[in-house]
Amino acid sequence: MNISKTVIQRLPRYYRYLEELKREGVTRISSGELSERMHVTASQIRQDLNHFGGFGQQGFGYRVDYLYDEIGKILGLDRIKHIILIGAGHLGQALANYTNYRRRGFNIEAIFDKDPEKVGTEVYGIRVQAMEELVPYIETHEVDIATLTIPKEQAVIVAKELVAAGIRAIWNFAHTELDVPEDVAVENVHLSESLMHLSYKAKNIRKEGEDEA
């Protein structure tokens, strides 16, 4: 099934809004009502969902709980994801402490770091292990996703070790693009780039306001 990246990127938004609807006790919603909440056109919503079978019924809309569950399955959220974290610095610790991941089934189960002062300590109940223990751990445990919160020079080296050990999904917070085989999924998270995008938007909003004045 050849589905565009932009459609896939919208699925977590649908999932999040449907979760909010469930909490509000909403049982059924039309594409028009959903579009008002998400600021996406109703036709776009229908097109996106039709890639996966539609899920709706003309004149009746979508069953919120059913659509929520089905999108969760598409995103692979219907089973626990076993995650390891490489890098026990400030960012790594923040990720380990973010309870929303666990609520969605993303379990950080092991943390690794090369700093002798961090090795052996605990980060929110998880013992930090030495980097020498990384590959043996992967060989003896189920690992779905490896998260990198280390400097880019280290990330390039560690990514190769992860791939060689059999890891097929990497969540990369290092400020570098990883050179991995095509059968390895990488999601790059560049926090500074996100801030730059926001800066650009804020600048242009301010400029438009000045022009109107």
N, C-alpha and C. Protein backbone atom coordinates (compact mmCIF):
# COMPACT_ATOMS: atom_id res chain seq x y z
N MET A 1 0.85 -1.19 0.00
CA MET A 1 0.00 0.00 0.00
C MET A 1 0.88 1.24 0.00
N ASN A 2 0.77 2.06 -1.04
CA ASN A 2 1.60 3.25 -1.16
C ASN A 2 0.83 4.46 -0.65
N ILE A 3 1.13 4.86 0.56
CA ILE A 3 0.44 5.98 1.21
C ILE A 3 1.45 7.08 1.47
N SER A 4 1.09 8.31 1.15
CA SER A 4 2.03 9.42 1.26
C SER A 4 2.43 9.67 2.71
N LYS A 5 3.63 10.24 2.86
CA LYS A 5 4.15 10.54 4.19
C LYS A 5 3.27 11.56 4.91
N THR A 6 2.69 12.50 4.17
CA THR A 6 1.85 13.53 4.81
C THR A 6 0.60 12.92 5.42
N VAL A 7 0.04 11.90 4.77
CA VAL A 7 -1.13 11.22 5.33
C VAL A 7 -0.74 10.51 6.63
N ILE A 8 0.37 9.79 6.62
CA ILE A 8 0.84 9.09 7.81
C ILE A 8 1.10 10.07 8.94
N GLN A 9 1.64 11.24 8.61
CA GLN A 9 1.95 12.23 9.65
C GLN A 9 0.69 12.80 10.29
N ARG A 10 -0.45 12.74 9.57
CA ARG A 10 -1.69 13.25 10.16
C ARG A 10 -2.37 12.23 11.07
N LEU A 11 -2.05 10.96 10.94
CA LEU A 11 -2.73 9.94 11.72
C LEU A 11 -2.59 10.15 13.24
N PRO A 12 -1.40 10.49 13.77
CA PRO A 12 -1.34 10.73 15.21
C PRO A 12 -2.24 11.87 15.67
N ARG A 13 -2.46 12.88 14.82
CA ARG A 13 -3.38 13.97 15.18
C ARG A 13 -4.80 13.45 15.27
N TYR A 14 -5.21 12.63 14.31
CA TYR A 14 -6.54 12.03 14.38
C TYR A 14 -6.69 11.24 15.68
N TYR A 15 -5.66 10.46 15.97
CA TYR A 15 -5.69 9.62 17.17
C TYR A 15 -5.84 10.47 18.43
N ARG A 16 -5.09 11.56 18.50
CA ARG A 16 -5.13 12.43 19.67
C ARG A 16 -6.50 13.09 19.83
N TYR A 17 -7.08 13.58 18.73
CA TYR A 17 -8.39 14.22 18.81
C TYR A 17 -9.48 13.22 19.14
N LEU A 18 -9.37 12.02 18.60
CA LEU A 18 -10.36 10.99 18.92
C LEU A 18 -10.28 10.59 20.39
N GLU A 19 -9.07 10.57 20.93
CA GLU A 19 -8.90 10.28 22.35
C GLU A 19 -9.61 11.34 23.20
N GLU A 20 -9.48 12.61 22.79
CA GLU A 20 -10.17 13.69 23.51
C GLU A 20 -11.68 13.53 23.41
N LEU A 21 -12.17 13.14 22.24
CA LEU A 21 -13.61 12.93 22.06
C LEU A 21 -14.12 11.81 22.96
N LYS A 22 -13.35 10.73 23.05
CA LYS A 22 -13.73 9.62 23.94
C LYS A 22 -13.85 10.10 25.37
N ARG A 23 -12.88 10.92 25.82
CA ARG A 23 -12.92 11.43 27.19
C ARG A 23 -14.14 12.32 27.42
N GLU A 24 -14.56 13.01 26.37
CA GLU A 24 -15.73 13.89 26.47
C GLU A 24 -17.04 13.12 26.38
N GLY A 25 -16.96 11.82 26.09
CA GLY A 25 -18.16 11.01 25.99
C GLY A 25 -18.84 11.05 24.64
N VAL A 26 -18.15 11.59 23.63
CA VAL A 26 -18.70 11.64 22.27
C VAL A 26 -18.60 10.24 21.66
N THR A 27 -19.69 9.74 21.13
CA THR A 27 -19.70 8.38 20.57
C THR A 27 -19.66 8.36 19.05
N ARG A 28 -20.13 9.42 18.43
CA ARG A 28 -20.16 9.46 16.96
C ARG A 28 -19.86 10.88 16.50
N ILE A 29 -19.12 10.99 15.38
CA ILE A 29 -18.78 12.32 14.87
C ILE A 29 -18.69 12.28 13.35
N SER A 30 -19.10 13.36 12.72
CA SER A 30 -19.02 13.45 11.26
C SER A 30 -17.67 14.02 10.85
N SER A 31 -17.32 13.86 9.59
CA SER A 31 -16.06 14.42 9.10
C SER A 31 -16.09 15.94 9.20
N GLY A 32 -17.28 16.54 9.03
CA GLY A 32 -17.41 17.99 9.15
C GLY A 32 -17.14 18.46 10.57
N GLU A 33 -17.69 17.76 11.55
CA GLU A 33 -17.47 18.13 12.95
C GLU A 33 -16.00 17.93 13.35
N LEU A 34 -15.41 16.85 12.85
CA LEU A 34 -14.01 16.60 13.15
C LEU A 34 -13.11 17.64 12.49
N SER A 35 -13.49 18.08 11.31
CA SER A 35 -12.69 19.09 10.60
C SER A 35 -12.67 20.41 11.35
N GLU A 36 -13.80 20.76 12.01
CA GLU A 36 -13.86 22.00 12.78
C GLU A 36 -12.89 21.97 13.96
N ARG A 37 -12.73 20.80 14.55
CA ARG A 37 -11.82 20.67 15.69
C ARG A 37 -10.36 20.68 15.24
N MET A 38 -10.09 20.01 14.13
CA MET A 38 -8.71 19.79 13.72
C MET A 38 -8.20 20.84 12.74
N HIS A 39 -9.11 21.66 12.21
CA HIS A 39 -8.75 22.65 11.19
C HIS A 39 -8.14 21.98 9.95
N VAL A 40 -8.74 20.85 9.60
CA VAL A 40 -8.44 20.14 8.36
C VAL A 40 -9.76 19.98 7.64
N THR A 41 -9.78 20.12 6.32
CA THR A 41 -11.06 20.05 5.61
C THR A 41 -11.68 18.66 5.75
N ALA A 42 -13.00 18.63 5.72
CA ALA A 42 -13.72 17.36 5.83
C ALA A 42 -13.34 16.42 4.69
N SER A 43 -13.16 16.98 3.49
CA SER A 43 -12.79 16.14 2.34
C SER A 43 -11.41 15.53 2.55
N GLN A 44 -10.50 16.29 3.17
CA GLN A 44 -9.16 15.77 3.44
C GLN A 44 -9.24 14.61 4.43
N ILE A 45 -10.07 14.76 5.46
CA ILE A 45 -10.24 13.69 6.44
C ILE A 45 -10.76 12.43 5.77
N ARG A 46 -11.79 12.60 4.93
CA ARG A 46 -12.36 11.42 4.25
C ARG A 46 -11.33 10.78 3.33
N GLN A 47 -10.56 11.60 2.61
CA GLN A 47 -9.53 11.05 1.73
C GLN A 47 -8.48 10.28 2.51
N ASP A 48 -8.04 10.87 3.62
CA ASP A 48 -7.01 10.21 4.44
C ASP A 48 -7.50 8.85 4.93
N LEU A 49 -8.70 8.83 5.49
CA LEU A 49 -9.21 7.59 6.08
C LEU A 49 -9.58 6.56 5.03
N ASN A 50 -9.93 7.01 3.83
CA ASN A 50 -10.26 6.08 2.76
C ASN A 50 -9.05 5.25 2.32
N HIS A 51 -7.86 5.75 2.59
CA HIS A 51 -6.66 4.97 2.28
C HIS A 51 -6.64 3.67 3.08
N PHE A 52 -7.33 3.67 4.21
CA PHE A 52 -7.28 2.52 5.11
C PHE A 52 -8.64 1.80 5.22
N GLY A 53 -9.56 2.18 4.37
CA GLY A 53 -10.85 1.50 4.37
C GLY A 53 -12.03 2.39 4.66
N GLY A 54 -11.80 3.63 5.03
CA GLY A 54 -12.91 4.56 5.23
C GLY A 54 -13.39 4.67 6.66
N PHE A 55 -13.90 3.55 7.22
CA PHE A 55 -14.35 3.45 8.62
C PHE A 55 -15.67 4.17 8.91
N GLY A 56 -16.13 5.00 8.01
CA GLY A 56 -17.36 5.75 8.27
C GLY A 56 -18.54 5.20 7.48
N GLN A 57 -19.72 5.76 7.77
CA GLN A 57 -20.94 5.38 7.07
C GLN A 57 -21.66 6.66 6.68
N GLN A 58 -21.95 6.79 5.39
CA GLN A 58 -22.55 8.03 4.90
C GLN A 58 -23.85 8.33 5.63
N GLY A 59 -23.92 9.55 6.14
CA GLY A 59 -25.10 9.97 6.87
C GLY A 59 -25.03 9.70 8.36
N PHE A 60 -24.07 8.88 8.77
CA PHE A 60 -23.94 8.53 10.18
C PHE A 60 -22.59 8.94 10.77
N GLY A 61 -21.62 9.23 9.93
CA GLY A 61 -20.31 9.64 10.42
C GLY A 61 -19.47 8.47 10.90
N TYR A 62 -18.62 8.76 11.87
CA TYR A 62 -17.68 7.76 12.38
C TYR A 62 -17.99 7.42 13.83
N ARG A 63 -17.91 6.15 14.16
CA ARG A 63 -17.96 5.74 15.56
C ARG A 63 -16.61 6.07 16.19
N VAL A 64 -16.61 6.91 17.19
CA VAL A 64 -15.36 7.42 17.76
C VAL A 64 -14.49 6.30 18.33
N ASP A 65 -15.06 5.42 19.14
CA ASP A 65 -14.25 4.36 19.76
C ASP A 65 -13.67 3.42 18.72
N TYR A 66 -14.48 3.09 17.69
CA TYR A 66 -14.01 2.17 16.65
C TYR A 66 -12.89 2.81 15.84
N LEU A 67 -13.07 4.06 15.42
CA LEU A 67 -12.06 4.74 14.63
C LEU A 67 -10.77 4.92 15.43
N TYR A 68 -10.93 5.24 16.71
CA TYR A 68 -9.77 5.39 17.60
C TYR A 68 -8.97 4.09 17.65
N ASP A 69 -9.65 2.97 17.85
CA ASP A 69 -8.98 1.67 17.93
C ASP A 69 -8.32 1.30 16.60
N GLU A 70 -9.00 1.55 15.49
CA GLU A 70 -8.46 1.18 14.18
C GLU A 70 -7.23 2.00 13.83
N ILE A 71 -7.26 3.30 14.11
CA ILE A 71 -6.08 4.12 13.84
C ILE A 71 -4.94 3.70 14.76
N GLY A 72 -5.26 3.33 15.99
CA GLY A 72 -4.24 2.81 16.89
C GLY A 72 -3.57 1.57 16.32
N LYS A 73 -4.35 0.69 15.71
CA LYS A 73 -3.78 -0.52 15.08
C LYS A 73 -2.89 -0.15 13.91
N ILE A 74 -3.34 0.81 13.10
CA ILE A 74 -2.55 1.25 11.94
C ILE A 74 -1.20 1.80 12.40
N LEU A 75 -1.23 2.53 13.52
CA LEU A 75 0.00 3.12 14.06
C LEU A 75 0.82 2.12 14.89
N GLY A 76 0.30 0.92 15.04
CA GLY A 76 1.02 -0.08 15.81
C GLY A 76 0.92 0.10 17.30
N LEU A 77 -0.14 0.78 17.76
CA LEU A 77 -0.29 1.07 19.18
C LEU A 77 -1.09 -0.01 19.92
N ASP A 78 -1.40 -1.08 19.21
CA ASP A 78 -2.19 -2.14 19.84
C ASP A 78 -1.32 -3.17 20.54
N ARG A 79 -0.03 -2.90 20.61
CA ARG A 79 0.86 -3.77 21.39
C ARG A 79 1.96 -2.92 22.03
N ILE A 80 2.53 -3.45 23.10
CA ILE A 80 3.58 -2.76 23.83
C ILE A 80 4.83 -2.62 22.95
N LYS A 81 5.47 -1.45 23.00
CA LYS A 81 6.73 -1.23 22.30
C LYS A 81 7.85 -1.17 23.34
N HIS A 82 8.84 -2.02 23.16
CA HIS A 82 9.97 -2.09 24.08
C HIS A 82 11.07 -1.15 23.58
N ILE A 83 11.42 -0.17 24.42
CA ILE A 83 12.34 0.89 24.01
C ILE A 83 13.57 0.91 24.89
N ILE A 84 14.72 1.15 24.26
CA ILE A 84 15.94 1.40 25.01
C ILE A 84 16.38 2.84 24.73
N LEU A 85 17.08 3.42 25.69
CA LEU A 85 17.49 4.82 25.61
C LEU A 85 19.00 4.90 25.76
N ILE A 86 19.65 5.50 24.77
CA ILE A 86 21.10 5.68 24.84
C ILE A 86 21.38 7.15 25.09
N GLY A 87 21.86 7.44 26.30
CA GLY A 87 22.12 8.81 26.71
C GLY A 87 21.29 9.18 27.92
N ALA A 88 21.94 9.28 29.09
CA ALA A 88 21.22 9.56 30.33
C ALA A 88 21.43 11.00 30.78
N GLY A 89 21.60 11.91 29.82
CA GLY A 89 21.72 13.33 30.15
C GLY A 89 20.37 13.94 30.44
N HIS A 90 20.30 15.26 30.40
CA HIS A 90 19.06 15.96 30.74
C HIS A 90 17.90 15.55 29.83
N LEU A 91 18.15 15.49 28.51
CA LEU A 91 17.08 15.13 27.57
C LEU A 91 16.66 13.68 27.77
N GLY A 92 17.63 12.79 27.90
CA GLY A 92 17.31 11.38 28.12
C GLY A 92 16.50 11.18 29.38
N GLN A 93 16.86 11.87 30.45
CA GLN A 93 16.12 11.75 31.70
C GLN A 93 14.70 12.29 31.56
N ALA A 94 14.56 13.39 30.81
CA ALA A 94 13.22 13.96 30.59
C ALA A 94 12.34 12.98 29.83
N LEU A 95 12.90 12.33 28.82
CA LEU A 95 12.13 11.35 28.05
C LEU A 95 11.74 10.16 28.92
N ALA A 96 12.67 9.71 29.75
CA ALA A 96 12.39 8.57 30.63
C ALA A 96 11.29 8.88 31.62
N ASN A 97 11.15 10.15 31.97
CA ASN A 97 10.16 10.55 32.98
C ASN A 97 8.81 10.92 32.38
N TYR A 98 8.70 10.91 31.05
CA TYR A 98 7.47 11.35 30.42
C TYR A 98 6.46 10.21 30.44
N THR A 99 5.53 10.28 31.37
CA THR A 99 4.60 9.16 31.61
C THR A 99 3.64 8.92 30.45
N ASN A 100 3.41 9.92 29.61
CA ASN A 100 2.47 9.76 28.51
C ASN A 100 2.91 8.68 27.53
N TYR A 101 4.24 8.47 27.41
CA TYR A 101 4.73 7.40 26.55
C TYR A 101 4.24 6.05 27.04
N ARG A 102 4.40 5.84 28.34
CA ARG A 102 3.99 4.55 28.91
C ARG A 102 2.50 4.34 28.78
N ARG A 103 1.74 5.42 28.91
CA ARG A 103 0.28 5.30 28.79
C ARG A 103 -0.12 4.84 27.39
N ARG A 104 0.69 5.19 26.42
CA ARG A 104 0.40 4.78 25.04
C ARG A 104 1.11 3.48 24.65
N GLY A 105 1.77 2.85 25.62
CA GLY A 105 2.39 1.55 25.35
C GLY A 105 3.84 1.61 24.93
N PHE A 106 4.47 2.80 25.04
CA PHE A 106 5.90 2.91 24.73
C PHE A 106 6.68 2.82 26.04
N ASN A 107 7.27 1.68 26.28
CA ASN A 107 7.94 1.43 27.55
C ASN A 107 9.46 1.54 27.42
N ILE A 108 10.05 2.53 28.09
CA ILE A 108 11.50 2.62 28.15
C ILE A 108 11.97 1.65 29.23
N GLU A 109 12.70 0.63 28.81
CA GLU A 109 13.01 -0.48 29.70
C GLU A 109 14.49 -0.57 30.05
N ALA A 110 15.34 0.14 29.32
CA ALA A 110 16.77 0.11 29.63
C ALA A 110 17.41 1.42 29.17
N ILE A 111 18.40 1.87 29.94
CA ILE A 111 19.11 3.11 29.63
C ILE A 111 20.61 2.83 29.66
N PHE A 112 21.32 3.41 28.69
CA PHE A 112 22.76 3.19 28.58
C PHE A 112 23.49 4.54 28.48
N ASP A 113 24.69 4.57 29.05
CA ASP A 113 25.49 5.80 28.98
C ASP A 113 26.97 5.42 29.13
N LYS A 114 27.84 6.25 28.55
CA LYS A 114 29.28 5.96 28.65
C LYS A 114 29.94 6.65 29.84
N ASP A 115 29.21 7.56 30.50
CA ASP A 115 29.75 8.30 31.63
C ASP A 115 29.81 7.41 32.87
N PRO A 116 31.02 7.14 33.40
CA PRO A 116 31.13 6.26 34.59
C PRO A 116 30.34 6.79 35.79
N GLU A 117 30.16 8.11 35.87
CA GLU A 117 29.42 8.67 37.00
C GLU A 117 27.92 8.41 36.90
N LYS A 118 27.43 8.18 35.68
CA LYS A 118 26.01 7.89 35.50
C LYS A 118 25.72 6.39 35.58
N VAL A 119 26.67 5.57 35.13
CA VAL A 119 26.48 4.12 35.13
C VAL A 119 26.27 3.63 36.56
N GLY A 120 25.23 2.84 36.74
CA GLY A 120 24.90 2.31 38.05
C GLY A 120 23.89 3.14 38.81
N THR A 121 23.69 4.38 38.39
CA THR A 121 22.65 5.21 39.02
C THR A 121 21.30 4.83 38.44
N GLU A 122 20.24 5.38 39.01
CA GLU A 122 18.90 5.10 38.51
C GLU A 122 18.25 6.36 37.97
N VAL A 123 17.57 6.21 36.85
CA VAL A 123 16.79 7.29 36.26
C VAL A 123 15.33 6.85 36.29
N TYR A 124 14.59 7.40 37.24
CA TYR A 124 13.18 7.08 37.41
C TYR A 124 12.95 5.57 37.47
N GLY A 125 13.76 4.93 38.28
CA GLY A 125 13.60 3.50 38.55
C GLY A 125 14.31 2.59 37.58
N ILE A 126 15.01 3.13 36.58
CA ILE A 126 15.72 2.31 35.61
C ILE A 126 17.22 2.48 35.82
N ARG A 127 17.92 1.37 36.02
CA ARG A 127 19.36 1.45 36.25
C ARG A 127 20.09 1.77 34.95
N VAL A 128 21.00 2.73 35.02
CA VAL A 128 21.79 3.10 33.84
C VAL A 128 22.91 2.08 33.67
N GLN A 129 22.98 1.51 32.48
CA GLN A 129 24.00 0.50 32.19
C GLN A 129 25.11 1.09 31.33
N ALA A 130 26.27 0.45 31.39
CA ALA A 130 27.42 0.89 30.58
C ALA A 130 27.18 0.56 29.11
N MET A 131 27.82 1.29 28.23
CA MET A 131 27.66 1.07 26.80
C MET A 131 28.12 -0.33 26.40
N GLU A 132 29.05 -0.89 27.15
CA GLU A 132 29.52 -2.25 26.84
C GLU A 132 28.40 -3.28 27.00
N GLU A 133 27.37 -2.92 27.72
CA GLU A 133 26.26 -3.85 27.94
C GLU A 133 25.16 -3.71 26.89
N LEU A 134 25.30 -2.73 25.98
CA LEU A 134 24.25 -2.43 25.01
C LEU A 134 23.96 -3.62 24.09
N VAL A 135 24.96 -4.09 23.37
CA VAL A 135 24.74 -5.18 22.41
C VAL A 135 24.29 -6.46 23.10
N PRO A 136 24.93 -6.88 24.21
CA PRO A 136 24.44 -8.07 24.92
C PRO A 136 22.97 -7.93 25.34
N TYR A 137 22.58 -6.72 25.74
CA TYR A 137 21.17 -6.51 26.13
C TYR A 137 20.25 -6.74 24.94
N ILE A 138 20.60 -6.16 23.79
CA ILE A 138 19.77 -6.32 22.59
C ILE A 138 19.67 -7.79 22.20
N GLU A 139 20.74 -8.51 22.37
CA GLU A 139 20.77 -9.93 21.98
C GLU A 139 19.89 -10.80 22.88
N THR A 140 19.59 -10.32 24.08
CA THR A 140 18.84 -11.15 25.03
C THR A 140 17.47 -10.57 25.41
N HIS A 141 17.12 -9.42 24.83
CA HIS A 141 15.83 -8.81 25.13
C HIS A 141 15.13 -8.37 23.84
N GLU A 142 13.82 -8.29 23.93
CA GLU A 142 13.05 -7.77 22.79
C GLU A 142 13.15 -6.24 22.81
N VAL A 143 13.65 -5.68 21.71
CA VAL A 143 13.79 -4.24 21.59
C VAL A 143 13.16 -3.79 20.28
N ASP A 144 12.16 -2.92 20.38
CA ASP A 144 11.49 -2.43 19.17
C ASP A 144 12.09 -1.12 18.67
N ILE A 145 12.46 -0.25 19.60
CA ILE A 145 12.94 1.09 19.23
C ILE A 145 14.13 1.45 20.10
N ALA A 146 15.16 2.01 19.47
CA ALA A 146 16.30 2.56 20.20
C ALA A 146 16.27 4.07 20.07
N THR A 147 16.41 4.76 21.20
CA THR A 147 16.37 6.22 21.23
C THR A 147 17.76 6.78 21.49
N LEU A 148 18.18 7.72 20.64
CA LEU A 148 19.51 8.32 20.78
C LEU A 148 19.39 9.75 21.28
N THR A 149 19.94 10.02 22.45
CA THR A 149 20.00 11.39 22.99
C THR A 149 21.45 11.70 23.35
N ILE A 150 22.33 11.49 22.38
CA ILE A 150 23.77 11.67 22.58
C ILE A 150 24.31 12.59 21.50
N PRO A 151 25.53 13.13 21.68
CA PRO A 151 26.12 14.00 20.66
C PRO A 151 26.21 13.30 19.31
N LYS A 152 26.20 14.11 18.24
CA LYS A 152 26.11 13.56 16.89
C LYS A 152 27.28 12.64 16.54
N GLU A 153 28.48 12.95 17.02
CA GLU A 153 29.63 12.10 16.70
C GLU A 153 29.43 10.70 17.26
N GLN A 154 28.93 10.62 18.48
CA GLN A 154 28.67 9.32 19.09
C GLN A 154 27.49 8.64 18.42
N ALA A 155 26.47 9.42 18.05
CA ALA A 155 25.26 8.85 17.47
C ALA A 155 25.55 8.07 16.19
N VAL A 156 26.44 8.60 15.36
CA VAL A 156 26.78 7.93 14.11
C VAL A 156 27.38 6.55 14.38
N ILE A 157 28.27 6.48 15.37
CA ILE A 157 28.92 5.21 15.71
C ILE A 157 27.93 4.25 16.35
N VAL A 158 27.14 4.75 17.30
CA VAL A 158 26.20 3.89 18.02
C VAL A 158 25.11 3.38 17.09
N ALA A 159 24.68 4.21 16.15
CA ALA A 159 23.64 3.78 15.20
C ALA A 159 24.11 2.56 14.41
N LYS A 160 25.37 2.55 14.01
CA LYS A 160 25.91 1.40 13.27
C LYS A 160 25.90 0.15 14.15
N GLU A 161 26.24 0.32 15.44
CA GLU A 161 26.20 -0.81 16.36
C GLU A 161 24.78 -1.33 16.53
N LEU A 162 23.82 -0.41 16.62
CA LEU A 162 22.42 -0.80 16.79
C LEU A 162 21.93 -1.60 15.59
N VAL A 163 22.23 -1.10 14.40
CA VAL A 163 21.79 -1.78 13.18
C VAL A 163 22.42 -3.17 13.09
N ALA A 164 23.72 -3.26 13.38
CA ALA A 164 24.41 -4.54 13.33
C ALA A 164 23.83 -5.53 14.34
N ALA A 165 23.30 -5.00 15.46
CA ALA A 165 22.73 -5.86 16.50
C ALA A 165 21.28 -6.25 16.20
N GLY A 166 20.71 -5.67 15.13
CA GLY A 166 19.37 -6.06 14.72
C GLY A 166 18.28 -5.05 14.96
N ILE A 167 18.61 -3.86 15.44
CA ILE A 167 17.59 -2.83 15.67
C ILE A 167 17.09 -2.31 14.32
N ARG A 168 15.77 -2.16 14.20
CA ARG A 168 15.18 -1.72 12.94
C ARG A 168 14.38 -0.44 13.07
N ALA A 169 14.43 0.23 14.22
CA ALA A 169 13.75 1.51 14.39
C ALA A 169 14.54 2.36 15.37
N ILE A 170 14.89 3.58 14.94
CA ILE A 170 15.70 4.48 15.76
C ILE A 170 15.01 5.84 15.87
N TRP A 171 14.85 6.29 17.10
CA TRP A 171 14.32 7.63 17.38
C TRP A 171 15.51 8.51 17.68
N ASN A 172 15.85 9.39 16.75
CA ASN A 172 17.12 10.09 16.79
C ASN A 172 16.97 11.55 17.18
N PHE A 173 17.51 11.90 18.36
CA PHE A 173 17.51 13.28 18.82
C PHE A 173 18.86 13.96 18.59
N ALA A 174 19.83 13.22 18.05
CA ALA A 174 21.14 13.79 17.77
C ALA A 174 21.04 14.72 16.56
N HIS A 175 21.85 15.76 16.55
CA HIS A 175 21.80 16.75 15.47
C HIS A 175 22.59 16.27 14.26
N THR A 176 22.19 15.14 13.71
CA THR A 176 22.84 14.60 12.52
C THR A 176 21.92 13.62 11.85
N GLU A 177 22.08 13.47 10.54
CA GLU A 177 21.33 12.47 9.80
C GLU A 177 22.09 11.15 9.86
N LEU A 178 21.40 10.09 10.13
CA LEU A 178 22.04 8.79 10.27
C LEU A 178 22.05 8.04 8.94
N ASP A 179 23.17 7.45 8.61
CA ASP A 179 23.31 6.66 7.39
C ASP A 179 23.02 5.20 7.73
N VAL A 180 21.78 4.79 7.49
CA VAL A 180 21.36 3.44 7.84
C VAL A 180 20.75 2.77 6.61
N PRO A 181 20.66 1.45 6.60
CA PRO A 181 20.03 0.75 5.47
C PRO A 181 18.56 1.12 5.31
N GLU A 182 18.00 0.86 4.14
CA GLU A 182 16.62 1.23 3.85
C GLU A 182 15.62 0.51 4.73
N ASP A 183 15.99 -0.67 5.23
CA ASP A 183 15.04 -1.43 6.06
C ASP A 183 15.10 -1.04 7.53
N VAL A 184 15.78 0.07 7.84
CA VAL A 184 15.82 0.60 9.20
C VAL A 184 15.07 1.93 9.21
N ALA A 185 14.04 2.02 10.05
CA ALA A 185 13.24 3.25 10.14
C ALA A 185 13.89 4.21 11.11
N VAL A 186 14.02 5.48 10.69
CA VAL A 186 14.59 6.51 11.55
C VAL A 186 13.64 7.69 11.60
N GLU A 187 13.35 8.15 12.80
CA GLU A 187 12.57 9.38 13.00
C GLU A 187 13.51 10.38 13.65
N ASN A 188 13.85 11.44 12.88
CA ASN A 188 14.74 12.47 13.39
C ASN A 188 13.95 13.56 14.09
N VAL A 189 14.39 13.92 15.29
CA VAL A 189 13.76 14.99 16.06
C VAL A 189 14.82 16.06 16.31
N HIS A 190 14.73 17.16 15.56
CA HIS A 190 15.68 18.25 15.71
C HIS A 190 14.99 19.41 16.42
N LEU A 191 15.20 19.52 17.72
CA LEU A 191 14.50 20.52 18.51
C LEU A 191 14.87 21.94 18.07
N SER A 192 16.12 22.17 17.73
CA SER A 192 16.53 23.52 17.32
C SER A 192 15.86 23.92 16.00
N GLU A 193 15.68 22.96 15.10
CA GLU A 193 15.02 23.26 13.83
C GLU A 193 13.56 23.63 14.07
N SER A 194 12.93 22.95 15.02
CA SER A 194 11.55 23.27 15.36
C SER A 194 11.43 24.70 15.86
N LEU A 195 12.39 25.11 16.70
CA LEU A 195 12.40 26.48 17.20
C LEU A 195 12.62 27.49 16.07
N MET A 196 13.47 27.15 15.12
CA MET A 196 13.71 28.03 13.98
C MET A 196 12.44 28.20 13.14
N HIS A 197 11.71 27.10 12.95
CA HIS A 197 10.45 27.19 12.21
C HIS A 197 9.48 28.12 12.93
N LEU A 198 9.42 27.97 14.26
CA LEU A 198 8.54 28.81 15.05
C LEU A 198 8.98 30.27 14.97
N SER A 199 10.28 30.51 15.01
CA SER A 199 10.81 31.86 14.91
C SER A 199 10.42 32.50 13.58
N TYR A 200 10.51 31.71 12.51
CA TYR A 200 10.13 32.21 11.18
C TYR A 200 8.66 32.59 11.14
N LYS A 201 7.81 31.71 11.69
CA LYS A 201 6.37 31.99 11.69
C LYS A 201 6.06 33.23 12.51
N ALA A 202 6.68 33.36 13.69
CA ALA A 202 6.44 34.51 14.55
C ALA A 202 6.89 35.80 13.87
N LYS A 203 8.02 35.75 13.19
CA LYS A 203 8.55 36.91 12.49
C LYS A 203 7.58 37.37 11.42
N ASN A 204 7.03 36.43 10.64
CA ASN A 204 6.16 36.80 9.54
C ASN A 204 4.78 37.24 10.01
N ILE A 205 4.30 36.66 11.13
CA ILE A 205 3.04 37.13 11.70
C ILE A 205 3.19 38.58 12.16
N ARG A 206 4.33 38.86 12.82
CA ARG A 206 4.59 40.22 13.28
C ARG A 206 4.70 41.18 12.10
N LYS A 207 5.37 40.74 11.02
CA LYS A 207 5.54 41.57 9.84
C LYS A 207 4.20 41.87 9.18
N GLU A 208 3.32 40.85 9.11
CA GLU A 208 1.99 41.06 8.53
C GLU A 208 1.20 42.07 9.35
N GLY A 209 1.34 41.98 10.70
CA GLY A 209 0.64 42.93 11.56
C GLY A 209 1.14 44.36 11.35
N GLU A 210 2.44 44.50 11.16
CA GLU A 210 3.01 45.83 10.92
C GLU A 210 2.56 46.39 9.58
N ASP A 211 2.47 45.53 8.56
CA ASP A 211 2.05 45.97 7.23
C ASP A 211 0.61 46.45 7.25
N GLU A 212 -0.24 45.71 8.04
CA GLU A 212 -1.66 46.09 8.12
C GLU A 212 -1.82 47.42 8.85
N ALA A 213 -0.95 47.67 9.83
CA ALA A 213 -1.01 48.94 10.56
C ALA A 213 -0.61 50.09 9.66
